[in-house]
C-alpha atoms as a PDB file:
ATOM      1  CA  MET A   1      88.289 162.472   9.639  1.00  0.00           C
ATOM      2  CA  SER A   2      89.608 163.515  13.479  1.00  0.00           C
ATOM      3  CA  GLU A   3      86.972 161.180  14.923  1.00  0.00           C
ATOM      4  CA  SER A   4      88.121 158.076  12.845  1.00  0.00           C
ATOM      5  CA  ARG A   5      91.389 159.735  14.604  1.00  0.00           C
ATOM      6  CA  SER A   6      90.628 159.031  17.747  1.00  0.00           C
ATOM      7  CA  HIS A   7      89.052 156.078  17.522  1.00  0.00           C
ATOM      8  CA  SER A   8      92.214 154.444  15.584  1.00  0.00           C
ATOM      9  CA  ASP A   9      93.572 156.003  18.935  1.00  0.00           C
ATOM     10  CA  HIS A  10      91.669 154.309  21.356  1.00  0.00           C
ATOM     11  CA  THR A  11      92.456 151.005  20.003  1.00  0.00           C
ATOM     12  CA  THR A  12      95.794 151.141  19.406  1.00  0.00           C
ATOM     13  CA  LYS A  13      96.337 152.474  23.488  1.00  0.00           C
ATOM     14  CA  SER A  14      93.851 149.479  23.593  1.00  0.00           C
ATOM     15  CA  LYS A  15      95.719 146.908  22.226  1.00  0.00           C
ATOM     16  CA  HIS A  16      98.748 148.320  23.616  1.00  0.00           C
ATOM     17  CA  TRP A  17      97.763 147.723  27.132  1.00  0.00           C
ATOM     18  CA  LEU A  18      96.167 144.740  25.960  1.00  0.00           C
ATOM     19  CA  ARG A  19      99.145 143.151  24.531  1.00  0.00           C
ATOM     20  CA  THR A  20     101.199 144.709  27.730  1.00  0.00           C
ATOM     21  CA  ALA A  21      98.837 143.229  30.190  1.00  0.00           C
ATOM     22  CA  PHE A  22      99.129 139.741  28.870  1.00  0.00           C
ATOM     23  CA  LEU A  23     102.917 139.966  28.437  1.00  0.00           C
ATOM     24  CA  ILE A  24     103.371 140.439  32.370  1.00  0.00           C
ATOM     25  CA  TYR A  25     100.546 138.005  33.278  1.00  0.00           C
ATOM     26  CA  GLY A  26     102.485 134.898  30.729  1.00  0.00           C
ATOM     27  CA  MET A  27     106.112 136.310  32.904  1.00  0.00           C
ATOM     28  CA  MET A  28     104.229 135.728  36.074  1.00  0.00           C
ATOM     29  CA  VAL A  29     102.840 132.271  34.802  1.00  0.00           C
ATOM     30  CA  ALA A  30     105.874 131.270  33.904  1.00  0.00           C
ATOM     31  CA  GLY A  31     107.533 132.244  36.793  1.00  0.00           C
ATOM     32  CA  LEU A  32     104.922 129.961  38.771  1.00  0.00           C
ATOM     33  CA  LEU A  33     105.744 127.236  36.628  1.00  0.00           C
ATOM     34  CA  GLY A  34     109.726 127.738  36.956  1.00  0.00           C
ATOM     35  CA  PHE A  35     109.279 127.362  40.375  1.00  0.00           C
ATOM     36  CA  PHE A  36     107.033 124.974  41.288  1.00  0.00           C
ATOM     37  CA  ILE A  37     108.089 122.434  38.210  1.00  0.00           C
ATOM     38  CA  PRO A  38     111.630 121.816  39.183  1.00  0.00           C
ATOM     39  CA  ASP A  39     110.715 120.769  42.975  1.00  0.00           C
ATOM     40  CA  VAL A  40     108.609 117.769  41.270  1.00  0.00           C
ATOM     41  CA  LYS A  41     111.439 116.938  39.295  1.00  0.00           C
ATOM     42  CA  THR A  42     113.689 116.514  42.387  1.00  0.00           C
ATOM     43  CA  HIS A  43     111.128 114.947  43.961  1.00  0.00           C
ATOM     44  CA  GLY A  44     111.302 112.356  40.951  1.00  0.00           C
ATOM     45  CA  THR A  45     115.209 112.337  41.062  1.00  0.00           C
ATOM     46  CA  GLN A  46     115.123 111.632  44.648  1.00  0.00           C
ATOM     47  CA  GLY A  47     114.426 108.178  44.433  1.00  0.00           C
ATOM     48  CA  ALA A  48     116.857 107.201  42.610  1.00  0.00           C
ATOM     49  CA  GLY A  49     119.652 109.113  44.819  1.00  0.00           C
ATOM     50  CA  THR A  50     118.036 106.786  48.195  1.00  0.00           C
ATOM     51  CA  PRO A  51     120.069 104.086  48.412  1.00  0.00           C
ATOM     52  CA  VAL A  52     123.518 106.333  49.145  1.00  0.00           C
ATOM     53  CA  GLN A  53     121.765 108.884  51.868  1.00  0.00           C
ATOM     54  CA  THR A  54     120.602 105.825  53.034  1.00  0.00           C
ATOM     55  CA  VAL A  55     124.226 104.183  53.145  1.00  0.00           C
ATOM     56  CA  ALA A  56     125.866 107.361  54.423  1.00  0.00           C
ATOM     57  CA  LYS A  57     123.161 107.953  56.704  1.00  0.00           C
ATOM     58  CA  ALA A  58     123.296 104.279  58.082  1.00  0.00           C
ATOM     59  CA  ALA A  59     127.451 104.619  58.592  1.00  0.00           C
ATOM     60  CA  ARG A  60     127.525 108.651  60.425  1.00  0.00           C
ATOM     61  CA  TYR A  61     125.163 106.138  62.773  1.00  0.00           C
ATOM     62  CA  GLU A  62     127.296 103.077  63.094  1.00  0.00           C
ATOM     63  CA  ALA A  63     129.993 106.002  64.217  1.00  0.00           C
ATOM     64  CA  VAL A  64     127.987 108.088  66.661  1.00  0.00           C
ATOM     65  CA  ILE A  65     127.250 104.916  68.677  1.00  0.00           C
ATOM     66  CA  ALA A  66     131.010 103.938  67.781  1.00  0.00           C
ATOM     67  CA  ASN A  67     131.814 106.729  70.117  1.00  0.00           C
ATOM     68  CA  TRP A  68     129.222 106.520  72.978  1.00  0.00           C
ATOM     69  CA  ASN A  69     130.151 103.327  73.300  1.00  0.00           C
ATOM     70  CA  ARG A  70     133.796 105.201  73.883  1.00  0.00           C
ATOM     71  CA  TYR A  71     132.753 107.180  75.985  1.00  0.00           C
ATOM     72  CA  ARG A  72     130.674 104.898  77.950  1.00  0.00           C
ATOM     73  CA  ASN A  73     133.492 102.491  78.265  1.00  0.00           C
ATOM     74  CA  LYS A  74     135.587 105.452  79.092  1.00  0.00           C
ATOM     75  CA  ASP A  75     132.856 106.853  82.170  1.00  0.00           C
ATOM     76  CA  ALA A  76     132.912 102.491  83.530  1.00  0.00           C
ATOM     77  CA  ARG A  77     136.739 102.436  83.629  1.00  0.00           C
ATOM     78  CA  ALA A  78     136.743 105.720  85.698  1.00  0.00           C
ATOM     79  CA  GLU A  79     134.002 104.201  87.875  1.00  0.00           C
ATOM     80  CA  ALA A  80     135.268 101.018  88.292  1.00  0.00           C
ATOM     81  CA  ARG A  81     138.396 102.741  90.128  1.00  0.00           C
END
């Protein structure tokens, strides 16, 4: 009787460890999917936001160019004196 009981305990323990290992593996896979899936979604939605970013960049570059032209004009006036 004790032999069958120890065999049952052994299978119960091995099933417990197997279940624990499977849960840990599943959590790792879910974590990696959660880490990589949002990157794919942001690349897909970034296409819709690109024109807004381009307009903002163009306005920023125009402002930089305007500031640079003002600086050059002041410098040219200072050299002309």
